């Protein structure tokens, strides 16, 4: 999901940091868990109003629902 976010929103520094942290975490039971506040910073589906997300989409992006539908369509094929 982080890779998809960065594909859609390459300037998302929080997602880049989270992906780097994920790549360097150990394989023990101490795996990474996020909360809603973090998801709002790193998850494209929570960032429907971000200009970079909207500008990287084609089709109707007139409201949050349309942005979500465009993202969902892309994610289904990604």
PDB file of N, CA and C in Angstrom:
ATOM      1  N   UNK A   1       0.816  -1.202   0.000  1.00  0.00           N
ATOM      2  CA  UNK A   1       0.000   0.000   0.000  1.00  0.00           C
ATOM      3  C   UNK A   1       0.855   1.259   0.000  1.00  0.00           C
ATOM      4  N   UNK A   2       1.973   1.232   0.700  1.00  0.00           N
ATOM      5  CA  UNK A   2       2.865   2.389   0.690  1.00  0.00           C
ATOM      6  C   UNK A   2       3.436   2.629  -0.706  1.00  0.00           C
ATOM      7  N   UNK A   3       3.769   1.576  -1.390  1.00  0.00           N
ATOM      8  CA  UNK A   3       4.288   1.730  -2.751  1.00  0.00           C
ATOM      9  C   UNK A   3       3.225   2.315  -3.675  1.00  0.00           C
ATOM     10  N   UNK A   4       1.986   1.908  -3.499  1.00  0.00           N
ATOM     11  CA  UNK A   4       0.906   2.488  -4.297  1.00  0.00           C
ATOM     12  C   UNK A   4       0.749   3.973  -3.965  1.00  0.00           C
ATOM     13  N   UNK A   5       0.759   4.307  -2.688  1.00  0.00           N
ATOM     14  CA  UNK A   5       0.670   5.715  -2.283  1.00  0.00           C
ATOM     15  C   UNK A   5       1.777   6.525  -2.939  1.00  0.00           C
ATOM     16  N   UNK A   6       2.997   6.027  -2.902  1.00  0.00           N
ATOM     17  CA  UNK A   6       4.119   6.780  -3.479  1.00  0.00           C
ATOM     18  C   UNK A   6       4.063   6.832  -5.001  1.00  0.00           C
ATOM     19  N   UNK A   7       3.417   5.863  -5.616  1.00  0.00           N
ATOM     20  CA  UNK A   7       3.196   5.921  -7.053  1.00  0.00           C
ATOM     21  C   UNK A   7       2.225   7.054  -7.391  1.00  0.00           C
ATOM     22  N   UNK A   8       1.227   7.241  -6.568  1.00  0.00           N
ATOM     23  CA  UNK A   8       0.205   8.262  -6.785  1.00  0.00           C
ATOM     24  C   UNK A   8       0.612   9.612  -6.223  1.00  0.00           C
ATOM     25  N   UNK A   9       1.398   9.607  -5.159  1.00  0.00           N
ATOM     26  CA  UNK A   9       1.782  10.832  -4.459  1.00  0.00           C
ATOM     27  C   UNK A   9       3.275  10.761  -4.090  1.00  0.00           C
ATOM     28  N   UNK A  10       4.159  10.897  -5.089  1.00  0.00           N
ATOM     29  CA  UNK A  10       5.596  10.726  -4.852  1.00  0.00           C
ATOM     30  C   UNK A  10       6.191  11.699  -3.836  1.00  0.00           C
ATOM     31  N   UNK A  11       5.527  12.812  -3.612  1.00  0.00           N
ATOM     32  CA  UNK A  11       6.040  13.801  -2.667  1.00  0.00           C
ATOM     33  C   UNK A  11       5.637  13.559  -1.225  1.00  0.00           C
ATOM     34  N   UNK A  12       4.992  12.445  -0.939  1.00  0.00           N
ATOM     35  CA  UNK A  12       4.530  12.158   0.420  1.00  0.00           C
ATOM     36  C   UNK A  12       5.707  11.676   1.261  1.00  0.00           C
ATOM     37  N   UNK A  13       6.313  12.605   2.006  1.00  0.00           N
ATOM     38  CA  UNK A  13       7.507  12.295   2.791  1.00  0.00           C
ATOM     39  C   UNK A  13       7.230  11.318   3.922  1.00  0.00           C
ATOM     40  N   UNK A  14       6.053  11.405   4.521  1.00  0.00           N
ATOM     41  CA  UNK A  14       5.702  10.476   5.604  1.00  0.00           C
ATOM     42  C   UNK A  14       5.608   9.043   5.087  1.00  0.00           C
ATOM     43  N   UNK A  15       5.044   8.869   3.912  1.00  0.00           N
ATOM     44  CA  UNK A  15       4.961   7.531   3.323  1.00  0.00           C
ATOM     45  C   UNK A  15       6.353   7.008   2.980  1.00  0.00           C
ATOM     46  N   UNK A  16       7.228   7.880   2.476  1.00  0.00           N
ATOM     47  CA  UNK A  16       8.607   7.465   2.181  1.00  0.00           C
ATOM     48  C   UNK A  16       9.312   7.004   3.443  1.00  0.00           C
ATOM     49  N   UNK A  17       9.152   7.776   4.509  1.00  0.00           N
ATOM     50  CA  UNK A  17       9.784   7.413   5.781  1.00  0.00           C
ATOM     51  C   UNK A  17       9.226   6.096   6.301  1.00  0.00           C
ATOM     52  N   UNK A  18       7.914   5.927   6.238  1.00  0.00           N
ATOM     53  CA  UNK A  18       7.292   4.697   6.721  1.00  0.00           C
ATOM     54  C   UNK A  18       7.778   3.495   5.911  1.00  0.00           C
ATOM     55  N   UNK A  19       7.916   3.640   4.599  1.00  0.00           N
ATOM     56  CA  UNK A  19       8.405   2.546   3.762  1.00  0.00           C
ATOM     57  C   UNK A  19       9.847   2.207   4.124  1.00  0.00           C
ATOM     58  N   UNK A  20      10.671   3.216   4.335  1.00  0.00           N
ATOM     59  CA  UNK A  20      12.053   2.974   4.760  1.00  0.00           C
ATOM     60  C   UNK A  20      12.087   2.253   6.103  1.00  0.00           C
ATOM     61  N   UNK A  21      11.249   2.701   7.046  1.00  0.00           N
ATOM     62  CA  UNK A  21      11.178   2.048   8.359  1.00  0.00           C
ATOM     63  C   UNK A  21      10.733   0.603   8.216  1.00  0.00           C
ATOM     64  N   UNK A  22       9.761   0.363   7.352  1.00  0.00           N
ATOM     65  CA  UNK A  22       9.256  -0.991   7.127  1.00  0.00           C
ATOM     66  C   UNK A  22      10.351  -1.898   6.573  1.00  0.00           C
ATOM     67  N   UNK A  23      11.117  -1.369   5.627  1.00  0.00           N
ATOM     68  CA  UNK A  23      12.164  -2.169   4.997  1.00  0.00           C
ATOM     69  C   UNK A  23      13.270  -2.550   5.980  1.00  0.00           C
ATOM     70  N   UNK A  24      13.465  -1.743   7.019  1.00  0.00           N
ATOM     71  CA  UNK A  24      14.562  -1.994   7.955  1.00  0.00           C
ATOM     72  C   UNK A  24      14.097  -2.648   9.249  1.00  0.00           C
ATOM     73  N   UNK A  25      12.806  -2.913   9.380  1.00  0.00           N
ATOM     74  CA  UNK A  25      12.337  -3.542  10.616  1.00  0.00           C
ATOM     75  C   UNK A  25      12.789  -4.998  10.659  1.00  0.00           C
ATOM     76  N   UNK A  26      12.913  -5.512  11.833  1.00  0.00           N
ATOM     77  CA  UNK A  26      13.334  -6.897  12.009  1.00  0.00           C
ATOM     78  C   UNK A  26      12.227  -7.872  11.639  1.00  0.00           C
ATOM     79  N   UNK A  27      12.530  -9.125  11.717  1.00  0.00           N
ATOM     80  CA  UNK A  27      11.550 -10.156  11.389  1.00  0.00           C
ATOM     81  C   UNK A  27      10.933 -10.766  12.641  1.00  0.00           C
ATOM     82  N   UNK A  28      11.188 -10.170  13.803  1.00  0.00           N
ATOM     83  CA  UNK A  28      10.621 -10.702  15.039  1.00  0.00           C
ATOM     84  C   UNK A  28       9.146 -10.310  15.162  1.00  0.00           C
ATOM     85  N   UNK A  29       8.567 -10.547  16.297  1.00  0.00           N
ATOM     86  CA  UNK A  29       7.147 -10.258  16.526  1.00  0.00           C
ATOM     87  C   UNK A  29       6.858  -8.780  16.732  1.00  0.00           C
ATOM     88  N   UNK A  30       7.861  -7.941  16.640  1.00  0.00           N
ATOM     89  CA  UNK A  30       7.714  -6.510  16.887  1.00  0.00           C
ATOM     90  C   UNK A  30       7.458  -5.765  15.574  1.00  0.00           C
ATOM     91  N   UNK A  31       6.432  -6.211  14.816  1.00  0.00           N
ATOM     92  CA  UNK A  31       6.174  -5.631  13.504  1.00  0.00           C
ATOM     93  C   UNK A  31       5.425  -4.302  13.616  1.00  0.00           C
ATOM     94  N   UNK A  32       5.510  -3.541  12.560  1.00  0.00           N
ATOM     95  CA  UNK A  32       4.962  -2.193  12.513  1.00  0.00           C
ATOM     96  C   UNK A  32       3.432  -2.210  12.492  1.00  0.00           C
ATOM     97  N   UNK A  33       2.833  -1.350  13.307  1.00  0.00           N
ATOM     98  CA  UNK A  33       1.387  -1.164  13.342  1.00  0.00           C
ATOM     99  C   UNK A  33       1.127   0.333  13.250  1.00  0.00           C
ATOM    100  N   UNK A  34       0.123   0.720  12.460  1.00  0.00           N
ATOM    101  CA  UNK A  34      -0.204   2.139  12.338  1.00  0.00           C
ATOM    102  C   UNK A  34      -1.546   2.424  12.999  1.00  0.00           C
ATOM    103  N   UNK A  35      -1.770   3.720  13.258  1.00  0.00           N
ATOM    104  CA  UNK A  35      -3.057   4.154  13.791  1.00  0.00           C
ATOM    105  C   UNK A  35      -3.725   5.068  12.757  1.00  0.00           C
ATOM    106  N   UNK A  36      -4.928   5.496  13.042  1.00  0.00           N
ATOM    107  CA  UNK A  36      -5.680   6.315  12.077  1.00  0.00           C
ATOM    108  C   UNK A  36      -4.952   7.620  11.763  1.00  0.00           C
ATOM    109  N   UNK A  37      -4.361   8.249  12.764  1.00  0.00           N
ATOM    110  CA  UNK A  37      -3.631   9.506  12.519  1.00  0.00           C
ATOM    111  C   UNK A  37      -2.495   9.288  11.529  1.00  0.00           C
ATOM    112  N   UNK A  38      -1.761   8.188  11.683  1.00  0.00           N
ATOM    113  CA  UNK A  38      -0.677   7.893  10.741  1.00  0.00           C
ATOM    114  C   UNK A  38      -1.223   7.559   9.358  1.00  0.00           C
ATOM    115  N   UNK A  39      -2.303   6.811   9.307  1.00  0.00           N
ATOM    116  CA  UNK A  39      -2.906   6.475   8.021  1.00  0.00           C
ATOM    117  C   UNK A  39      -3.338   7.725   7.261  1.00  0.00           C
ATOM    118  N   UNK A  40      -3.811   8.726   7.966  1.00  0.00           N
ATOM    119  CA  UNK A  40      -4.212   9.980   7.313  1.00  0.00           C
ATOM    120  C   UNK A  40      -3.024  10.692   6.682  1.00  0.00           C
ATOM    121  N   UNK A  41      -1.831  10.391   7.137  1.00  0.00           N
ATOM    122  CA  UNK A  41      -0.617  10.984   6.577  1.00  0.00           C
ATOM    123  C   UNK A  41      -0.020  10.150   5.452  1.00  0.00           C
ATOM    124  N   UNK A  42      -0.264   8.847   5.460  1.00  0.00           N
ATOM    125  CA  UNK A  42       0.456   7.967   4.524  1.00  0.00           C
ATOM    126  C   UNK A  42      -0.426   7.212   3.534  1.00  0.00           C
ATOM    127  N   UNK A  43      -1.719   7.179   3.749  1.00  0.00           N
ATOM    128  CA  UNK A  43      -2.598   6.361   2.918  1.00  0.00           C
ATOM    129  C   UNK A  43      -3.351   7.224   1.911  1.00  0.00           C
ATOM    130  N   UNK A  44      -3.106   7.000   0.656  1.00  0.00           N
ATOM    131  CA  UNK A  44      -3.723   7.788  -0.409  1.00  0.00           C
ATOM    132  C   UNK A  44      -5.241   7.844  -0.292  1.00  0.00           C
ATOM    133  N   UNK A  45      -5.853   6.777   0.160  1.00  0.00           N
ATOM    134  CA  UNK A  45      -7.317   6.738   0.262  1.00  0.00           C
ATOM    135  C   UNK A  45      -7.855   7.628   1.383  1.00  0.00           C
ATOM    136  N   UNK A  46      -6.978   8.097   2.265  1.00  0.00           N
ATOM    137  CA  UNK A  46      -7.354   9.076   3.280  1.00  0.00           C
ATOM    138  C   UNK A  46      -6.941  10.491   2.868  1.00  0.00           C
ATOM    139  N   UNK A  47      -6.369  10.644   1.685  1.00  0.00           N
ATOM    140  CA  UNK A  47      -5.798  11.928   1.259  1.00  0.00           C
ATOM    141  C   UNK A  47      -6.434  12.403  -0.051  1.00  0.00           C
ATOM    142  N   UNK A  48      -7.736  12.282  -0.120  1.00  0.00           N
ATOM    143  CA  UNK A  48      -8.472  12.559  -1.354  1.00  0.00           C
ATOM    144  C   UNK A  48      -8.452  14.023  -1.767  1.00  0.00           C
ATOM    145  N   UNK A  49      -8.125  14.923  -0.864  1.00  0.00           N
ATOM    146  CA  UNK A  49      -8.090  16.361  -1.177  1.00  0.00           C
ATOM    147  C   UNK A  49      -6.692  16.866  -1.523  1.00  0.00           C
ATOM    148  N   UNK A  50      -5.705  16.004  -1.460  1.00  0.00           N
ATOM    149  CA  UNK A  50      -4.335  16.427  -1.738  1.00  0.00           C
ATOM    150  C   UNK A  50      -4.158  16.725  -3.229  1.00  0.00           C
ATOM    151  N   UNK A  51      -3.670  17.915  -3.558  1.00  0.00           N
ATOM    152  CA  UNK A  51      -3.501  18.283  -4.968  1.00  0.00           C
ATOM    153  C   UNK A  51      -2.655  17.289  -5.764  1.00  0.00           C
ATOM    154  N   UNK A  52      -1.587  16.776  -5.172  1.00  0.00           N
ATOM    155  CA  UNK A  52      -0.730  15.837  -5.900  1.00  0.00           C
ATOM    156  C   UNK A  52      -1.492  14.553  -6.245  1.00  0.00           C
ATOM    157  N   UNK A  53      -2.338  14.097  -5.345  1.00  0.00           N
ATOM    158  CA  UNK A  53      -3.143  12.902  -5.613  1.00  0.00           C
ATOM    159  C   UNK A  53      -4.109  13.184  -6.762  1.00  0.00           C
ATOM    160  N   UNK A  54      -4.811  14.285  -6.674  1.00  0.00           N
ATOM    161  CA  UNK A  54      -5.818  14.646  -7.683  1.00  0.00           C
ATOM    162  C   UNK A  54      -5.165  14.894  -9.041  1.00  0.00           C
ATOM    163  N   UNK A  55      -4.052  15.619  -9.052  1.00  0.00           N
ATOM    164  CA  UNK A  55      -3.398  15.977 -10.310  1.00  0.00           C
ATOM    165  C   UNK A  55      -2.819  14.776 -11.041  1.00  0.00           C
ATOM    166  N   UNK A  56      -2.563  13.687 -10.324  1.00  0.00           N
ATOM    167  CA  UNK A  56      -2.007  12.484 -10.944  1.00  0.00           C
ATOM    168  C   UNK A  56      -3.087  11.503 -11.393  1.00  0.00           C
ATOM    169  N   UNK A  57      -4.342  11.957 -11.408  1.00  0.00           N
ATOM    170  CA  UNK A  57      -5.454  11.109 -11.844  1.00  0.00           C
ATOM    171  C   UNK A  57      -6.038  11.623 -13.149  1.00  0.00           C
ATOM    172  N   UNK A  58      -6.581  10.734 -13.923  1.00  0.00           N
ATOM    173  CA  UNK A  58      -7.327  11.152 -15.107  1.00  0.00           C
ATOM    174  C   UNK A  58      -8.800  10.892 -14.849  1.00  0.00           C
ATOM    175  N   UNK A  59      -9.644  11.518 -15.617  1.00  0.00           N
ATOM    176  CA  UNK A  59     -11.086  11.350 -15.454  1.00  0.00           C
ATOM    177  C   UNK A  59     -11.663  12.361 -14.479  1.00  0.00           C
ATOM    178  N   UNK A  60     -12.872  12.120 -14.082  1.00  0.00           N
ATOM    179  CA  UNK A  60     -13.613  13.023 -13.205  1.00  0.00           C
ATOM    180  C   UNK A  60     -13.007  13.020 -11.799  1.00  0.00           C
ATOM    181  N   UNK A  61     -12.562  14.178 -11.342  1.00  0.00           N
ATOM    182  CA  UNK A  61     -12.045  14.325  -9.981  1.00  0.00           C
ATOM    183  C   UNK A  61     -12.731  15.502  -9.288  1.00  0.00           C
ATOM    184  N   UNK A  62     -14.011  15.695  -9.593  1.00  0.00           N
ATOM    185  CA  UNK A  62     -14.729  16.874  -9.097  1.00  0.00           C
ATOM    186  C   UNK A  62     -15.065  16.811  -7.616  1.00  0.00           C
ATOM    187  N   UNK A  63     -15.050  15.613  -7.018  1.00  0.00           N
ATOM    188  CA  UNK A  63     -15.329  15.524  -5.585  1.00  0.00           C
ATOM    189  C   UNK A  63     -14.622  14.301  -5.011  1.00  0.00           C
ATOM    190  N   UNK A  64     -14.674  14.167  -3.688  1.00  0.00           N
ATOM    191  CA  UNK A  64     -13.972  13.073  -3.012  1.00  0.00           C
ATOM    192  C   UNK A  64     -14.394  11.702  -3.531  1.00  0.00           C
ATOM    193  N   UNK A  65     -15.675  11.543  -3.784  1.00  0.00           N
ATOM    194  CA  UNK A  65     -16.157  10.245  -4.264  1.00  0.00           C
ATOM    195  C   UNK A  65     -15.507   9.886  -5.590  1.00  0.00           C
ATOM    196  N   UNK A  66     -15.428  10.837  -6.508  1.00  0.00           N
ATOM    197  CA  UNK A  66     -14.824  10.572  -7.812  1.00  0.00           C
ATOM    198  C   UNK A  66     -13.330  10.296  -7.689  1.00  0.00           C
ATOM    199  N   UNK A  67     -12.652  11.036  -6.816  1.00  0.00           N
ATOM    200  CA  UNK A  67     -11.221  10.794  -6.587  1.00  0.00           C
ATOM    201  C   UNK A  67     -11.033   9.373  -6.048  1.00  0.00           C
ATOM    202  N   UNK A  68     -11.854   9.010  -5.058  1.00  0.00           N
ATOM    203  CA  UNK A  68     -11.776   7.667  -4.489  1.00  0.00           C
ATOM    204  C   UNK A  68     -12.012   6.606  -5.561  1.00  0.00           C
ATOM    205  N   UNK A  69     -13.017   6.793  -6.387  1.00  0.00           N
ATOM    206  CA  UNK A  69     -13.319   5.815  -7.438  1.00  0.00           C
ATOM    207  C   UNK A  69     -12.171   5.683  -8.426  1.00  0.00           C
ATOM    208  N   UNK A  70     -11.534   6.808  -8.809  1.00  0.00           N
ATOM    209  CA  UNK A  70     -10.385   6.750  -9.718  1.00  0.00           C
ATOM    210  C   UNK A  70      -9.235   5.990  -9.063  1.00  0.00           C
ATOM    211  N   UNK A  71      -8.978   6.274  -7.771  1.00  0.00           N
ATOM    212  CA  UNK A  71      -7.915   5.578  -7.059  1.00  0.00           C
ATOM    213  C   UNK A  71      -8.208   4.088  -6.946  1.00  0.00           C
ATOM    214  N   UNK A  72      -9.436   3.748  -6.606  1.00  0.00           N
ATOM    215  CA  UNK A  72      -9.824   2.347  -6.443  1.00  0.00           C
ATOM    216  C   UNK A  72      -9.644   1.603  -7.750  1.00  0.00           C
ATOM    217  N   UNK A  73     -10.022   2.233  -8.855  1.00  0.00           N
ATOM    218  CA  UNK A  73      -9.862   1.641 -10.186  1.00  0.00           C
ATOM    219  C   UNK A  73      -8.383   1.361 -10.464  1.00  0.00           C
ATOM    220  N   UNK A  74      -7.545   2.338 -10.159  1.00  0.00           N
ATOM    221  CA  UNK A  74      -6.113   2.145 -10.358  1.00  0.00           C
ATOM    222  C   UNK A  74      -5.549   1.044  -9.464  1.00  0.00           C
ATOM    223  N   UNK A  75      -5.973   1.063  -8.210  1.00  0.00           N
ATOM    224  CA  UNK A  75      -5.448   0.076  -7.243  1.00  0.00           C
ATOM    225  C   UNK A  75      -5.864  -1.330  -7.635  1.00  0.00           C
ATOM    226  N   UNK A  76      -7.045  -1.479  -8.185  1.00  0.00           N
ATOM    227  CA  UNK A  76      -7.508  -2.801  -8.615  1.00  0.00           C
ATOM    228  C   UNK A  76      -6.629  -3.379  -9.714  1.00  0.00           C
ATOM    229  N   UNK A  77      -6.007  -2.524 -10.509  1.00  0.00           N
ATOM    230  CA  UNK A  77      -5.174  -2.959 -11.628  1.00  0.00           C
ATOM    231  C   UNK A  77      -3.678  -2.896 -11.308  1.00  0.00           C
ATOM    232  N   UNK A  78      -3.311  -2.286 -10.217  1.00  0.00           N
ATOM    233  CA  UNK A  78      -1.909  -2.002  -9.913  1.00  0.00           C
ATOM    234  C   UNK A  78      -1.143  -3.206  -9.486  1.00  0.00           C
TER     235      UNK A  78
END
